[in-house]
N, C-alpha and C. Protein backbone atom coordinates (compact mmCIF):
# COMPACT_ATOMS: atom_id res chain seq x y z
N MET A 1 -3.44 11.44 -44.20
CA MET A 1 -4.67 11.42 -43.41
C MET A 1 -5.64 12.12 -43.29
N GLY A 2 -5.18 13.63 -43.50
CA GLY A 2 -5.90 14.68 -43.81
C GLY A 2 -5.73 15.31 -42.10
N LEU A 3 -5.58 14.87 -41.16
CA LEU A 3 -5.20 15.29 -39.92
C LEU A 3 -4.69 16.60 -39.66
N PRO A 4 -5.16 17.66 -38.96
CA PRO A 4 -4.73 18.52 -38.56
C PRO A 4 -3.05 18.30 -37.64
N VAL A 5 -2.30 19.15 -37.97
CA VAL A 5 -0.75 18.73 -37.23
C VAL A 5 -1.01 19.07 -35.50
N GLU A 6 -1.92 19.62 -35.22
CA GLU A 6 -2.39 19.81 -33.65
C GLU A 6 -2.67 18.95 -33.00
N ASP A 7 -3.58 18.41 -34.00
CA ASP A 7 -4.36 16.84 -33.74
C ASP A 7 -3.38 15.74 -32.99
N VAL A 8 -2.49 15.95 -34.36
CA VAL A 8 -1.42 14.58 -34.15
C VAL A 8 -0.79 14.83 -33.00
N ARG A 9 -0.47 16.14 -32.78
CA ARG A 9 0.76 16.53 -31.65
C ARG A 9 -0.37 16.08 -29.93
N GLU A 10 -1.71 16.44 -30.50
CA GLU A 10 -2.17 15.76 -28.84
C GLU A 10 -2.08 14.48 -29.03
N LEU A 11 -2.53 14.06 -30.12
CA LEU A 11 -2.76 12.41 -29.68
C LEU A 11 -1.72 12.16 -29.46
N LEU A 12 -0.45 11.98 -29.84
CA LEU A 12 0.81 11.56 -29.31
C LEU A 12 1.09 12.22 -28.41
N ALA A 13 0.76 13.15 -27.25
CA ALA A 13 1.19 13.74 -26.37
C ALA A 13 0.31 12.45 -25.05
N LEU A 14 -0.92 11.92 -25.74
CA LEU A 14 -1.70 11.16 -24.86
C LEU A 14 -1.17 9.53 -24.99
N GLU A 15 0.06 9.42 -25.30
CA GLU A 15 0.51 8.28 -25.43
C GLU A 15 0.99 7.75 -24.65
N ARG A 16 0.64 6.66 -23.63
CA ARG A 16 1.44 5.99 -22.60
C ARG A 16 2.19 4.61 -22.36
N LYS A 17 2.98 5.10 -21.62
CA LYS A 17 4.20 4.13 -21.80
C LYS A 17 3.90 2.86 -20.88
N THR A 18 3.95 1.69 -21.46
CA THR A 18 3.87 0.38 -20.55
C THR A 18 4.76 0.39 -20.00
N THR A 19 4.69 0.45 -18.48
CA THR A 19 5.44 -0.18 -17.40
C THR A 19 5.16 -1.80 -16.65
N SER A 20 5.96 -2.36 -16.56
CA SER A 20 6.06 -3.79 -15.87
C SER A 20 6.14 -3.30 -14.40
N LEU A 21 5.61 -4.21 -13.62
CA LEU A 21 5.81 -4.08 -12.16
C LEU A 21 7.46 -4.33 -11.51
N ASP A 22 7.80 -5.15 -12.50
CA ASP A 22 8.98 -5.34 -12.06
C ASP A 22 10.00 -4.70 -12.66
N ASP A 23 9.67 -3.46 -13.08
CA ASP A 23 10.64 -2.93 -14.00
C ASP A 23 11.12 -1.96 -12.26
N HIS A 24 12.55 -1.76 -12.65
CA HIS A 24 13.23 -0.82 -11.62
C HIS A 24 12.95 0.92 -11.70
N THR A 25 13.13 1.40 -10.81
CA THR A 25 12.54 2.69 -10.23
C THR A 25 13.61 3.58 -10.66
N HIS A 26 14.97 3.18 -11.22
CA HIS A 26 15.99 4.08 -11.60
C HIS A 26 16.60 4.94 -10.52
N ASP A 27 16.45 4.32 -9.21
CA ASP A 27 16.96 5.03 -8.22
C ASP A 27 17.97 4.60 -7.66
N THR A 28 18.53 4.77 -6.02
CA THR A 28 19.75 4.27 -5.62
C THR A 28 18.79 2.92 -5.17
N SER A 29 17.88 3.12 -4.37
CA SER A 29 17.40 2.07 -3.55
C SER A 29 17.10 0.73 -4.43
N GLY A 30 17.43 0.66 -5.63
CA GLY A 30 17.23 -0.69 -6.59
C GLY A 30 15.77 -1.05 -6.01
N ALA A 31 14.62 -0.30 -5.97
CA ALA A 31 13.42 -0.91 -5.47
C ALA A 31 12.43 -1.04 -7.05
N SER A 32 11.45 -1.82 -7.09
CA SER A 32 10.61 -1.82 -8.31
C SER A 32 9.89 -1.13 -8.59
N VAL A 33 8.56 -1.06 -9.13
CA VAL A 33 7.55 -0.31 -9.29
C VAL A 33 6.74 -0.88 -8.27
N TYR A 34 6.48 -2.25 -8.10
CA TYR A 34 5.86 -2.83 -7.23
C TYR A 34 5.96 -2.66 -6.02
N ASP A 35 7.23 -2.81 -5.60
CA ASP A 35 7.65 -2.23 -4.17
C ASP A 35 6.93 -0.71 -3.36
N LEU A 36 6.42 0.11 -4.73
CA LEU A 36 6.21 1.42 -4.64
C LEU A 36 4.80 1.44 -4.24
N ILE A 37 4.12 0.53 -4.71
CA ILE A 37 2.73 0.50 -4.60
C ILE A 37 1.88 0.38 -3.14
N ALA A 38 1.04 1.01 -2.80
CA ALA A 38 0.55 1.23 -1.24
C ALA A 38 -0.31 -0.08 -1.16
N ASP A 39 -0.16 -0.81 -0.10
CA ASP A 39 -0.92 -1.72 -0.15
C ASP A 39 -2.03 -1.26 0.84
N THR A 40 -3.16 -0.76 0.62
CA THR A 40 -4.14 0.26 1.27
C THR A 40 -4.82 -0.93 2.13
N LYS A 41 -4.88 -2.09 1.88
CA LYS A 41 -5.47 -2.93 3.22
C LYS A 41 -4.22 -3.34 4.73
N ALA A 42 -3.16 -3.56 4.13
CA ALA A 42 -2.38 -3.94 5.03
C ALA A 42 -2.08 -2.89 6.47
N ALA A 43 -1.82 -3.58 7.52
CA ALA A 43 -2.20 -2.90 8.64
C ALA A 43 -0.71 -1.73 8.75
N VAL A 44 -0.52 -0.74 9.11
CA VAL A 44 0.73 -0.11 9.31
C VAL A 44 1.36 -0.93 10.67
N PRO A 45 2.70 -1.00 10.61
CA PRO A 45 3.16 -1.29 11.40
C PRO A 45 3.28 -0.99 13.03
N THR A 46 3.35 0.20 13.07
CA THR A 46 3.07 1.02 14.71
C THR A 46 1.74 0.38 15.18
N GLU A 47 0.76 0.51 14.45
CA GLU A 47 -0.67 0.37 14.49
C GLU A 47 -1.16 -1.22 15.00
N ALA A 48 -0.53 -2.26 14.60
CA ALA A 48 -0.76 -3.44 14.25
C ALA A 48 -0.03 -4.05 15.95
N ALA A 49 1.44 -3.24 16.32
CA ALA A 49 2.28 -3.29 17.60
C ALA A 49 1.12 -3.11 18.43
N GLU A 50 0.69 -1.67 18.53
CA GLU A 50 -0.14 -1.27 19.63
C GLU A 50 -1.12 -2.44 19.60
N LEU A 51 -1.92 -2.24 18.62
CA LEU A 51 -3.09 -3.40 18.58
C LEU A 51 -2.62 -4.42 19.47
N ASN A 52 -2.01 -5.39 19.22
CA ASN A 52 -1.48 -6.67 19.62
C ASN A 52 -1.13 -6.79 21.14
N ASP A 53 -0.69 -5.36 21.30
CA ASP A 53 -0.10 -4.83 22.98
C ASP A 53 -1.27 -4.87 23.69
N ASP A 54 -2.48 -3.94 22.86
CA ASP A 54 -3.34 -3.59 23.81
C ASP A 54 -4.61 -5.08 23.80
N MET A 55 -4.18 -6.00 22.80
CA MET A 55 -5.10 -7.34 23.22
C MET A 55 -4.70 -8.18 24.44
N LYS A 56 -3.12 -7.90 24.45
CA LYS A 56 -2.67 -8.82 25.23
C LYS A 56 -2.92 -8.35 26.66
N LEU A 57 -2.85 -6.97 26.97
CA LEU A 57 -3.48 -6.29 28.31
C LEU A 57 -4.68 -6.68 29.01
N LEU A 58 -5.79 -6.76 27.59
CA LEU A 58 -6.91 -7.03 27.86
C LEU A 58 -7.05 -8.31 28.34
N GLN A 59 -6.52 -9.17 27.50
CA GLN A 59 -6.47 -10.77 27.87
C GLN A 59 -6.12 -11.09 29.16
N GLN A 60 -5.11 -10.57 29.97
CA GLN A 60 -4.60 -10.30 31.00
C GLN A 60 -5.50 -9.89 32.25
N ALA A 61 -6.29 -8.67 31.91
CA ALA A 61 -7.28 -8.13 32.60
C ALA A 61 -8.15 -9.23 32.70
N VAL A 62 -9.10 -10.17 32.08
CA VAL A 62 -9.87 -10.90 31.74
C VAL A 62 -9.21 -12.13 32.47
N ASN A 63 -8.44 -12.50 32.51
CA ASN A 63 -7.88 -13.54 33.03
C ASN A 63 -7.63 -13.70 34.67
N ARG A 64 -7.66 -12.33 35.29
CA ARG A 64 -7.58 -11.67 36.26
C ARG A 64 -9.13 -11.67 37.08
N LEU A 65 -9.80 -11.86 36.35
CA LEU A 65 -11.30 -11.82 36.68
C LEU A 65 -11.98 -12.73 37.41
N THR A 66 -12.00 -12.75 38.52
CA THR A 66 -13.03 -13.95 39.06
C THR A 66 -14.65 -13.99 39.30
N SER A 67 -14.98 -15.37 39.07
CA SER A 67 -15.95 -15.57 38.56
C SER A 67 -16.86 -15.64 39.61
N LYS A 68 -17.94 -15.11 39.46
CA LYS A 68 -19.12 -15.02 40.48
C LYS A 68 -19.48 -16.11 40.83
N PRO A 69 -20.02 -16.47 41.66
CA PRO A 69 -20.58 -17.70 42.53
C PRO A 69 -22.00 -17.42 42.10
N SER A 70 -22.93 -18.68 41.23
CA SER A 70 -24.03 -18.61 40.63
C SER A 70 -25.42 -18.49 41.55
């Protein structure tokens, strides 16, 4: 092909291995690659629980309010 050896080495170094999301991570957890990808739109469980508690407290406070006569 006429390519310098160094150029061929650089091209081979750029080769990427295709990985399936179903592939296992080869550690003891048995997790798949999919399990390791963070869902950036999902709520953090502790924050979701705190928000839920805050909403309940707010609803209780609103329920205790008395309506003013018009």
